[in-house]
PDB file of all heavy atoms in Angstrom:
ATOM      1  N   HIS A   1       1.496  -3.795-101.687  1.00  0.00           N
ATOM      2  CA  HIS A   1       2.767  -4.150-101.048  1.00  0.00           C
ATOM      3  C   HIS A   1       3.522  -5.117-101.958  1.00  0.00           C
ATOM      4  O   HIS A   1       2.926  -6.034-102.540  1.00  0.00           O
ATOM      5  CB  HIS A   1       2.513  -4.795 -99.687  1.00  0.00           C
ATOM      6  CG  HIS A   1       3.756  -4.921 -98.880  1.00  0.00           C
ATOM      7  ND1 HIS A   1       4.681  -5.914 -99.100  1.00  0.00           N
ATOM      8  CD2 HIS A   1       4.236  -4.153 -97.866  1.00  0.00           C
ATOM      9  CE1 HIS A   1       5.686  -5.766 -98.254  1.00  0.00           C
ATOM     10  NE2 HIS A   1       5.444  -4.708 -97.490  1.00  0.00           N
ATOM     11  N   PRO A   2       4.841  -4.931-102.105  1.00  0.00           N
ATOM     12  CA  PRO A   2       5.619  -5.794-103.012  1.00  0.00           C
ATOM     13  C   PRO A   2       5.420  -7.288-102.789  1.00  0.00           C
ATOM     14  O   PRO A   2       5.407  -8.055-103.750  1.00  0.00           O
ATOM     15  CB  PRO A   2       7.071  -5.382-102.734  1.00  0.00           C
ATOM     16  CG  PRO A   2       6.976  -3.975-102.251  1.00  0.00           C
ATOM     17  CD  PRO A   2       5.670  -3.893-101.484  1.00  0.00           C
ATOM     18  N   GLU A   3       5.220  -7.711-101.560  1.00  0.00           N
ATOM     19  CA  GLU A   3       5.028  -9.143-101.282  1.00  0.00           C
ATOM     20  C   GLU A   3       3.693  -9.672-101.784  1.00  0.00           C
ATOM     21  O   GLU A   3       3.513 -10.885-101.875  1.00  0.00           O
ATOM     22  CB  GLU A   3       5.163  -9.411 -99.781  1.00  0.00           C
ATOM     23  CG  GLU A   3       6.568  -9.172 -99.253  1.00  0.00           C
ATOM     24  CD  GLU A   3       6.672  -9.366 -97.740  1.00  0.00           C
ATOM     25  OE1 GLU A   3       5.727  -9.917 -97.134  1.00  0.00           O
ATOM     26  OE2 GLU A   3       7.700  -8.949 -97.186  1.00  0.00           O
ATOM     27  N   TRP A   4       2.753  -8.772-102.105  1.00  0.00           N
ATOM     28  CA  TRP A   4       1.423  -9.189-102.538  1.00  0.00           C
ATOM     29  C   TRP A   4       1.134  -8.875-104.000  1.00  0.00           C
ATOM     30  O   TRP A   4       0.033  -9.132-104.482  1.00  0.00           O
ATOM     31  CB  TRP A   4       0.362  -8.566-101.631  1.00  0.00           C
ATOM     32  CG  TRP A   4       0.328  -9.290-100.327  1.00  0.00           C
ATOM     33  CD1 TRP A   4       1.017  -8.987 -99.188  1.00  0.00           C
ATOM     34  CD2 TRP A   4      -0.379 -10.489-100.064  1.00  0.00           C
ATOM     35  NE1 TRP A   4       0.775  -9.918 -98.228  1.00  0.00           N
ATOM     36  CE2 TRP A   4      -0.089 -10.860 -98.740  1.00  0.00           C
ATOM     37  CE3 TRP A   4      -1.235 -11.294-100.816  1.00  0.00           C
ATOM     38  CZ2 TRP A   4      -0.611 -11.992 -98.148  1.00  0.00           C
ATOM     39  CZ3 TRP A   4      -1.771 -12.418-100.224  1.00  0.00           C
ATOM     40  CH2 TRP A   4      -1.458 -12.760 -98.908  1.00  0.00           C
ATOM     41  N   ARG A   5       2.097  -8.343-104.694  1.00  0.00           N
ATOM     42  CA  ARG A   5       1.875  -8.039-106.106  1.00  0.00           C
ATOM     43  C   ARG A   5       1.722  -9.328-106.906  1.00  0.00           C
ATOM     44  O   ARG A   5       2.328 -10.338-106.595  1.00  0.00           O
ATOM     45  CB  ARG A   5       3.036  -7.210-106.660  1.00  0.00           C
ATOM     46  CG  ARG A   5       3.051  -5.814-106.081  1.00  0.00           C
ATOM     47  CD  ARG A   5       4.183  -4.976-106.609  1.00  0.00           C
ATOM     48  NE  ARG A   5       4.225  -3.709-105.882  1.00  0.00           N
ATOM     49  CZ  ARG A   5       5.310  -3.018-105.669  1.00  0.00           C
ATOM     50  NH1 ARG A   5       6.477  -3.423-106.160  1.00  0.00           N
ATOM     51  NH2 ARG A   5       5.267  -1.906-104.984  1.00  0.00           N
ATOM     52  N   GLY A   6       0.909  -9.257-107.965  1.00  0.00           N
ATOM     53  CA  GLY A   6       0.707 -10.407-108.838  1.00  0.00           C
ATOM     54  C   GLY A   6      -0.288 -11.420-108.294  1.00  0.00           C
ATOM     55  O   GLY A   6      -0.427 -12.509-108.839  1.00  0.00           O
ATOM     56  N   ARG A   7      -1.014 -11.083-107.246  1.00  0.00           N
ATOM     57  CA  ARG A   7      -1.980 -12.006-106.637  1.00  0.00           C
ATOM     58  C   ARG A   7      -3.417 -11.504-106.739  1.00  0.00           C
ATOM     59  O   ARG A   7      -4.292 -11.994-106.044  1.00  0.00           O
ATOM     60  CB  ARG A   7      -1.628 -12.252-105.176  1.00  0.00           C
ATOM     61  CG  ARG A   7      -0.263 -12.867-104.985  1.00  0.00           C
ATOM     62  CD  ARG A   7      -0.057 -13.197-103.545  1.00  0.00           C
ATOM     63  NE  ARG A   7       1.336 -13.448-103.239  1.00  0.00           N
ATOM     64  CZ  ARG A   7       1.754 -13.943-102.094  1.00  0.00           C
ATOM     65  NH1 ARG A   7       0.885 -14.241-101.161  1.00  0.00           N
ATOM     66  NH2 ARG A   7       3.028 -14.130-101.876  1.00  0.00           N
ATOM     67  N   GLY A   8      -3.637 -10.497-107.569  1.00  0.00           N
ATOM     68  CA  GLY A   8      -4.992 -10.024-107.798  1.00  0.00           C
ATOM     69  C   GLY A   8      -5.445  -8.878-106.905  1.00  0.00           C
ATOM     70  O   GLY A   8      -6.574  -8.410-107.030  1.00  0.00           O
ATOM     71  N   VAL A   9      -4.580  -8.400-106.017  1.00  0.00           N
ATOM     72  CA  VAL A   9      -4.968  -7.327-105.102  1.00  0.00           C
ATOM     73  C   VAL A   9      -5.260  -6.038-105.874  1.00  0.00           C
ATOM     74  O   VAL A   9      -6.300  -5.404-105.670  1.00  0.00           O
ATOM     75  CB  VAL A   9      -3.880  -7.090-104.027  1.00  0.00           C
ATOM     76  CG1 VAL A   9      -4.227  -5.885-103.162  1.00  0.00           C
ATOM     77  CG2 VAL A   9      -3.680  -8.333-103.174  1.00  0.00           C
ATOM     78  N   GLY A  10      -4.361  -5.647-106.772  1.00  0.00           N
ATOM     79  CA  GLY A  10      -4.556  -4.426-107.545  1.00  0.00           C
ATOM     80  C   GLY A  10      -5.812  -4.490-108.399  1.00  0.00           C
ATOM     81  O   GLY A  10      -6.569  -3.515-108.493  1.00  0.00           O
ATOM     82  N   THR A  11      -6.067  -5.630-109.001  1.00  0.00           N
ATOM     83  CA  THR A  11      -7.262  -5.797-109.832  1.00  0.00           C
ATOM     84  C   THR A  11      -8.524  -5.685-108.989  1.00  0.00           C
ATOM     85  O   THR A  11      -9.494  -5.029-109.381  1.00  0.00           O
ATOM     86  CB  THR A  11      -7.213  -7.139-110.581  1.00  0.00           C
ATOM     87  OG1 THR A  11      -6.045  -7.150-111.408  1.00  0.00           O
ATOM     88  CG2 THR A  11      -8.444  -7.347-111.441  1.00  0.00           C
ATOM     89  N   ARG A  12      -8.511  -6.303-107.804  1.00  0.00           N
ATOM     90  CA  ARG A  12      -9.685  -6.192-106.921  1.00  0.00           C
ATOM     91  C   ARG A  12      -9.911  -4.752-106.499  1.00  0.00           C
ATOM     92  O   ARG A  12     -11.045  -4.278-106.445  1.00  0.00           O
ATOM     93  CB  ARG A  12      -9.511  -7.074-105.678  1.00  0.00           C
ATOM     94  CG  ARG A  12      -9.768  -8.546-105.901  1.00  0.00           C
ATOM     95  CD  ARG A  12     -11.256  -8.884-106.039  1.00  0.00           C
ATOM     96  NE  ARG A  12     -12.054  -8.511-104.896  1.00  0.00           N
ATOM     97  CZ  ARG A  12     -12.191  -9.224-103.786  1.00  0.00           C
ATOM     98  NH1 ARG A  12     -11.584 -10.384-103.657  1.00  0.00           N
ATOM     99  NH2 ARG A  12     -12.947  -8.781-102.798  1.00  0.00           N
ATOM    100  N   LEU A  13      -8.825  -4.029-106.184  1.00  0.00           N
ATOM    101  CA  LEU A  13      -8.963  -2.620-105.821  1.00  0.00           C
ATOM    102  C   LEU A  13      -9.529  -1.810-106.987  1.00  0.00           C
ATOM    103  O   LEU A  13     -10.403  -0.959-106.784  1.00  0.00           O
ATOM    104  CB  LEU A  13      -7.610  -2.051-105.386  1.00  0.00           C
ATOM    105  CG  LEU A  13      -7.170  -2.406-103.973  1.00  0.00           C
ATOM    106  CD1 LEU A  13      -5.669  -2.183-103.807  1.00  0.00           C
ATOM    107  CD2 LEU A  13      -7.956  -1.599-102.945  1.00  0.00           C
ATOM    108  N   LEU A  14      -9.049  -2.071-108.192  1.00  0.00           N
ATOM    109  CA  LEU A  14      -9.578  -1.362-109.364  1.00  0.00           C
ATOM    110  C   LEU A  14     -11.069  -1.639-109.553  1.00  0.00           C
ATOM    111  O   LEU A  14     -11.849  -0.709-109.785  1.00  0.00           O
ATOM    112  CB  LEU A  14      -8.808  -1.759-110.619  1.00  0.00           C
ATOM    113  CG  LEU A  14      -7.478  -1.073-110.837  1.00  0.00           C
ATOM    114  CD1 LEU A  14      -6.728  -1.700-112.010  1.00  0.00           C
ATOM    115  CD2 LEU A  14      -7.670   0.422-111.069  1.00  0.00           C
ATOM    116  N   HIS A  15     -11.469  -2.906-109.458  1.00  0.00           N
ATOM    117  CA  HIS A  15     -12.890  -3.249-109.591  1.00  0.00           C
ATOM    118  C   HIS A  15     -13.726  -2.513-108.544  1.00  0.00           C
ATOM    119  O   HIS A  15     -14.801  -1.993-108.846  1.00  0.00           O
ATOM    120  CB  HIS A  15     -13.111  -4.758-109.467  1.00  0.00           C
ATOM    121  CG  HIS A  15     -12.851  -5.516-110.716  1.00  0.00           C
ATOM    122  ND1 HIS A  15     -13.697  -5.488-111.799  1.00  0.00           N
ATOM    123  CD2 HIS A  15     -11.829  -6.334-111.058  1.00  0.00           C
ATOM    124  CE1 HIS A  15     -13.209  -6.255-112.764  1.00  0.00           C
ATOM    125  NE2 HIS A  15     -12.066  -6.778-112.340  1.00  0.00           N
ATOM    126  N   HIS A  16     -13.217  -2.471-107.324  1.00  0.00           N
ATOM    127  CA  HIS A  16     -13.955  -1.819-106.245  1.00  0.00           C
ATOM    128  C   HIS A  16     -14.072  -0.313-106.506  1.00  0.00           C
ATOM    129  O   HIS A  16     -15.151   0.271-106.332  1.00  0.00           O
ATOM    130  CB  HIS A  16     -13.270  -2.085-104.898  1.00  0.00           C
ATOM    131  CG  HIS A  16     -14.136  -1.766-103.738  1.00  0.00           C
ATOM    132  ND1 HIS A  16     -15.082  -2.636-103.248  1.00  0.00           N
ATOM    133  CD2 HIS A  16     -14.217  -0.643-102.978  1.00  0.00           C
ATOM    134  CE1 HIS A  16     -15.702  -2.085-102.235  1.00  0.00           C
ATOM    135  NE2 HIS A  16     -15.199  -0.870-102.046  1.00  0.00           N
ATOM    136  N   ALA A  17     -12.973   0.321-106.916  1.00  0.00           N
ATOM    137  CA  ALA A  17     -12.983   1.754-107.201  1.00  0.00           C
ATOM    138  C   ALA A  17     -13.925   2.064-108.368  1.00  0.00           C
ATOM    139  O   ALA A  17     -14.692   3.036-108.317  1.00  0.00           O
ATOM    140  CB  ALA A  17     -11.568   2.239-107.500  1.00  0.00           C
ATOM    141  N   ILE A  18     -13.885   1.245-109.401  1.00  0.00           N
ATOM    142  CA  ILE A  18     -14.795   1.427-110.542  1.00  0.00           C
ATOM    143  C   ILE A  18     -16.242   1.304-110.081  1.00  0.00           C
ATOM    144  O   ILE A  18     -17.098   2.121-110.433  1.00  0.00           O
ATOM    145  CB  ILE A  18     -14.482   0.419-111.668  1.00  0.00           C
ATOM    146  CG1 ILE A  18     -13.125   0.739-112.302  1.00  0.00           C
ATOM    147  CG2 ILE A  18     -15.591   0.401-112.717  1.00  0.00           C
ATOM    148  CD1 ILE A  18     -12.562  -0.391-113.163  1.00  0.00           C
ATOM    149  N   GLY A  19     -16.533   0.282-109.284  1.00  0.00           N
ATOM    150  CA  GLY A  19     -17.889   0.086-108.765  1.00  0.00           C
ATOM    151  C   GLY A  19     -18.366   1.274-107.946  1.00  0.00           C
ATOM    152  O   GLY A  19     -19.525   1.695-108.045  1.00  0.00           O
ATOM    153  N   TYR A  20     -17.472   1.813-107.137  1.00  0.00           N
ATOM    154  CA  TYR A  20     -17.821   2.985-106.332  1.00  0.00           C
ATOM    155  C   TYR A  20     -18.207   4.153-107.248  1.00  0.00           C
ATOM    156  O   TYR A  20     -19.244   4.794-107.043  1.00  0.00           O
ATOM    157  CB  TYR A  20     -16.643   3.380-105.433  1.00  0.00           C
ATOM    158  CG  TYR A  20     -16.850   4.693-104.741  1.00  0.00           C
ATOM    159  CD1 TYR A  20     -17.646   4.787-103.601  1.00  0.00           C
ATOM    160  CD2 TYR A  20     -16.262   5.860-105.233  1.00  0.00           C
ATOM    161  CE1 TYR A  20     -17.855   6.001-102.969  1.00  0.00           C
ATOM    162  CE2 TYR A  20     -16.465   7.081-104.605  1.00  0.00           C
ATOM    163  CZ  TYR A  20     -17.265   7.150-103.476  1.00  0.00           C
ATOM    164  OH  TYR A  20     -17.471   8.356-102.861  1.00  0.00           O
ATOM    165  N   LEU A  21     -17.375   4.447-108.243  1.00  0.00           N
ATOM    166  CA  LEU A  21     -17.661   5.567-109.144  1.00  0.00           C
ATOM    167  C   LEU A  21     -18.930   5.318-109.958  1.00  0.00           C
ATOM    168  O   LEU A  21     -19.745   6.224-110.148  1.00  0.00           O
ATOM    169  CB  LEU A  21     -16.461   5.838-110.046  1.00  0.00           C
ATOM    170  CG  LEU A  21     -15.218   6.362-109.313  1.00  0.00           C
ATOM    171  CD1 LEU A  21     -14.005   6.355-110.240  1.00  0.00           C
ATOM    172  CD2 LEU A  21     -15.465   7.752-108.743  1.00  0.00           C
ATOM    173  N   GLU A  22     -19.120   4.101-110.439  1.00  0.00           N
ATOM    174  CA  GLU A  22     -20.340   3.784-111.206  1.00  0.00           C
ATOM    175  C   GLU A  22     -21.580   3.927-110.334  1.00  0.00           C
ATOM    176  O   GLU A  22     -22.621   4.380-110.809  1.00  0.00           O
ATOM    177  CB  GLU A  22     -20.245   2.379-111.788  1.00  0.00           C
ATOM    178  CG  GLU A  22     -19.276   2.276-112.942  1.00  0.00           C
ATOM    179  CD  GLU A  22     -19.122   0.869-113.505  1.00  0.00           C
ATOM    180  OE1 GLU A  22     -19.491  -0.114-112.807  1.00  0.00           O
ATOM    181  OE2 GLU A  22     -18.638   0.757-114.632  1.00  0.00           O
ATOM    182  N   SER A  23     -21.491   3.556-109.058  1.00  0.00           N
ATOM    183  CA  SER A  23     -22.652   3.658-108.169  1.00  0.00           C
ATOM    184  C   SER A  23     -23.035   5.116-107.915  1.00  0.00           C
ATOM    185  O   SER A  23     -24.129   5.389-107.438  1.00  0.00           O
ATOM    186  CB  SER A  23     -22.380   2.948-106.843  1.00  0.00           C
ATOM    187  OG  SER A  23     -21.500   3.701-106.031  1.00  0.00           O
ATOM    188  N   ARG A  24     -22.154   6.031-108.241  1.00  0.00           N
ATOM    189  CA  ARG A  24     -22.433   7.453-108.113  1.00  0.00           C
ATOM    190  C   ARG A  24     -22.684   8.099-109.476  1.00  0.00           C
ATOM    191  O   ARG A  24     -22.615   9.310-109.631  1.00  0.00           O
ATOM    192  CB  ARG A  24     -21.296   8.158-107.381  1.00  0.00           C
ATOM    193  CG  ARG A  24     -21.499   8.015-105.875  1.00  0.00           C
ATOM    194  CD  ARG A  24     -20.292   7.464-105.184  1.00  0.00           C
ATOM    195  NE  ARG A  24     -20.569   7.244-103.769  1.00  0.00           N
ATOM    196  CZ  ARG A  24     -20.829   6.044-103.253  1.00  0.00           C
ATOM    197  NH1 ARG A  24     -20.891   4.981-104.018  1.00  0.00           N
ATOM    198  NH2 ARG A  24     -21.038   5.900-101.963  1.00  0.00           N
ATOM    199  N   ASP A  25     -22.978   7.254-110.462  1.00  0.00           N
ATOM    200  CA  ASP A  25     -23.340   7.693-111.816  1.00  0.00           C
ATOM    201  C   ASP A  25     -22.280   8.537-112.506  1.00  0.00           C
ATOM    202  O   ASP A  25     -22.591   9.416-113.305  1.00  0.00           O
ATOM    203  CB  ASP A  25     -24.681   8.453-111.810  1.00  0.00           C
ATOM    204  CG  ASP A  25     -25.825   7.571-111.349  1.00  0.00           C
ATOM    205  OD1 ASP A  25     -25.834   6.380-111.737  1.00  0.00           O
ATOM    206  OD2 ASP A  25     -26.693   8.043-110.590  1.00  0.00           O
ATOM    207  N   VAL A  26     -21.020   8.254-112.243  1.00  0.00           N
ATOM    208  CA  VAL A  26     -19.930   8.946-112.923  1.00  0.00           C
ATOM    209  C   VAL A  26     -19.875   8.432-114.353  1.00  0.00           C
ATOM    210  O   VAL A  26     -19.842   7.223-114.595  1.00  0.00           O
ATOM    211  CB  VAL A  26     -18.595   8.729-112.184  1.00  0.00           C
ATOM    212  CG1 VAL A  26     -17.441   9.308-112.972  1.00  0.00           C
ATOM    213  CG2 VAL A  26     -18.659   9.360-110.796  1.00  0.00           C
ATOM    214  N   ARG A  27     -19.887   9.346-115.305  1.00  0.00           N
ATOM    215  CA  ARG A  27     -19.967   8.970-116.721  1.00  0.00           C
ATOM    216  C   ARG A  27     -18.647   8.567-117.349  1.00  0.00           C
ATOM    217  O   ARG A  27     -18.625   7.786-118.294  1.00  0.00           O
ATOM    218  CB  ARG A  27     -20.571  10.127-117.517  1.00  0.00           C
ATOM    219  CG  ARG A  27     -22.027  10.358-117.165  1.00  0.00           C
ATOM    220  CD  ARG A  27     -22.619  11.430-118.011  1.00  0.00           C
ATOM    221  NE  ARG A  27     -22.026  12.719-117.624  1.00  0.00           N
ATOM    222  CZ  ARG A  27     -22.628  13.879-117.751  1.00  0.00           C
ATOM    223  NH1 ARG A  27     -23.803  13.949-118.308  1.00  0.00           N
ATOM    224  NH2 ARG A  27     -22.048  14.980-117.357  1.00  0.00           N
ATOM    225  N   CYS A  28     -17.552   9.132-116.884  1.00  0.00           N
ATOM    226  CA  CYS A  28     -16.241   8.846-117.475  1.00  0.00           C
ATOM    227  C   CYS A  28     -15.261   8.557-116.345  1.00  0.00           C
ATOM    228  O   CYS A  28     -15.143   9.360-115.418  1.00  0.00           O
ATOM    229  CB  CYS A  28     -15.769  10.056-118.290  1.00  0.00           C
ATOM    230  SG  CYS A  28     -14.121   9.851-119.004  1.00  0.00           S
ATOM    231  N   ILE A  29     -14.594   7.400-116.409  1.00  0.00           N
ATOM    232  CA  ILE A  29     -13.644   7.020-115.358  1.00  0.00           C
ATOM    233  C   ILE A  29     -12.258   6.936-115.972  1.00  0.00           C
ATOM    234  O   ILE A  29     -12.047   6.283-116.991  1.00  0.00           O
ATOM    235  CB  ILE A  29     -14.033   5.677-114.722  1.00  0.00           C
ATOM    236  CG1 ILE A  29     -15.427   5.780-114.088  1.00  0.00           C
ATOM    237  CG2 ILE A  29     -12.990   5.253-113.691  1.00  0.00           C
ATOM    238  CD1 ILE A  29     -15.972   4.461-113.568  1.00  0.00           C
ATOM    239  N   LYS A  30     -11.318   7.605-115.325  1.00  0.00           N
ATOM    240  CA  LYS A  30      -9.921   7.609-115.754  1.00  0.00           C
ATOM    241  C   LYS A  30      -9.060   7.174-114.581  1.00  0.00           C
ATOM    242  O   LYS A  30      -9.545   7.086-113.455  1.00  0.00           O
ATOM    243  CB  LYS A  30      -9.517   8.997-116.236  1.00  0.00           C
ATOM    244  CG  LYS A  30     -10.289   9.426-117.480  1.00  0.00           C
ATOM    245  CD  LYS A  30      -9.818  10.766-117.981  1.00  0.00           C
ATOM    246  CE  LYS A  30     -10.488  11.112-119.286  1.00  0.00           C
ATOM    247  NZ  LYS A  30      -9.758  10.654-120.430  1.00  0.00           N
ATOM    248  N   LEU A  31      -7.796   6.924-114.852  1.00  0.00           N
ATOM    249  CA  LEU A  31      -6.899   6.566-113.770  1.00  0.00           C
ATOM    250  C   LEU A  31      -5.485   6.988-114.068  1.00  0.00           C
ATOM    251  O   LEU A  31      -5.104   7.135-115.222  1.00  0.00           O
ATOM    252  CB  LEU A  31      -6.938   5.066-113.469  1.00  0.00           C
ATOM    253  CG  LEU A  31      -6.324   4.135-114.506  1.00  0.00           C
ATOM    254  CD1 LEU A  31      -5.185   3.368-113.870  1.00  0.00           C
ATOM    255  CD2 LEU A  31      -7.365   3.175-115.012  1.00  0.00           C
ATOM    256  N   ASP A  32      -4.756   7.204-112.983  1.00  0.00           N
ATOM    257  CA  ASP A  32      -3.313   7.405-113.070  1.00  0.00           C
ATOM    258  C   ASP A  32      -2.693   6.054-112.792  1.00  0.00           C
ATOM    259  O   ASP A  32      -3.071   5.378-111.829  1.00  0.00           O
ATOM    260  CB  ASP A  32      -2.826   8.396-112.006  1.00  0.00           C
ATOM    261  CG  ASP A  32      -3.153   9.834-112.359  1.00  0.00           C
ATOM    262  OD1 ASP A  32      -3.170  10.143-113.552  1.00  0.00           O
ATOM    263  OD2 ASP A  32      -3.354  10.634-111.435  1.00  0.00           O
ATOM    264  N   ALA A  33      -1.759   5.653-113.622  1.00  0.00           N
ATOM    265  CA  ALA A  33      -1.133   4.348-113.422  1.00  0.00           C
ATOM    266  C   ALA A  33       0.284   4.350-113.975  1.00  0.00           C
ATOM    267  O   ALA A  33       0.629   5.175-114.827  1.00  0.00           O
ATOM    268  CB  ALA A  33      -1.953   3.250-114.115  1.00  0.00           C
ATOM    269  N   THR A  34       1.055   3.433-113.481  1.00  0.00           N
ATOM    270  CA  THR A  34       2.411   3.236-113.985  1.00  0.00           C
ATOM    271  C   THR A  34       2.400   2.024-114.906  1.00  0.00           C
ATOM    272  O   THR A  34       1.439   1.256-114.919  1.00  0.00           O
ATOM    273  CB  THR A  34       3.396   2.974-112.828  1.00  0.00           C
ATOM    274  OG1 THR A  34       3.029   1.755-112.196  1.00  0.00           O
ATOM    275  CG2 THR A  34       3.386   4.130-111.817  1.00  0.00           C
ATOM    276  N   PRO A  35       3.467   1.816-115.652  1.00  0.00           N
ATOM    277  CA  PRO A  35       3.519   0.617-116.506  1.00  0.00           C
ATOM    278  C   PRO A  35       3.333  -0.687-115.718  1.00  0.00           C
ATOM    279  O   PRO A  35       2.801  -1.654-116.248  1.00  0.00           O
ATOM    280  CB  PRO A  35       4.919   0.696-117.125  1.00  0.00           C
ATOM    281  CG  PRO A  35       5.221   2.162-117.172  1.00  0.00           C
ATOM    282  CD  PRO A  35       4.610   2.719-115.904  1.00  0.00           C
ATOM    283  N   MET A  36       3.725  -0.692-114.445  1.00  0.00           N
ATOM    284  CA  MET A  36       3.560  -1.903-113.639  1.00  0.00           C
ATOM    285  C   MET A  36       2.091  -2.311-113.531  1.00  0.00           C
ATOM    286  O   MET A  36       1.765  -3.490-113.499  1.00  0.00           O
ATOM    287  CB  MET A  36       4.135  -1.693-112.241  1.00  0.00           C
ATOM    288  CG  MET A  36       4.100  -2.941-111.388  1.00  0.00           C
ATOM    289  SD  MET A  36       4.637  -2.685-109.672  1.00  0.00           S
ATOM    290  CE  MET A  36       6.262  -2.009-109.899  1.00  0.00           C
ATOM    291  N   GLY A  37       1.182  -1.331-113.494  1.00  0.00           N
ATOM    292  CA  GLY A  37      -0.233  -1.634-113.353  1.00  0.00           C
ATOM    293  C   GLY A  37      -0.948  -1.935-114.646  1.00  0.00           C
ATOM    294  O   GLY A  37      -2.125  -2.298-114.652  1.00  0.00           O
TER     295      GLY A  37
END
């Protein structure tokens, strides 16, 4: 949400998503992102 950008929310979500994929032994992780991210 625009009011919460720049406060670490996106980074925490990325860490969580990465952890989820790693816990399922995914060998290669990619992402779709905009320049803002």
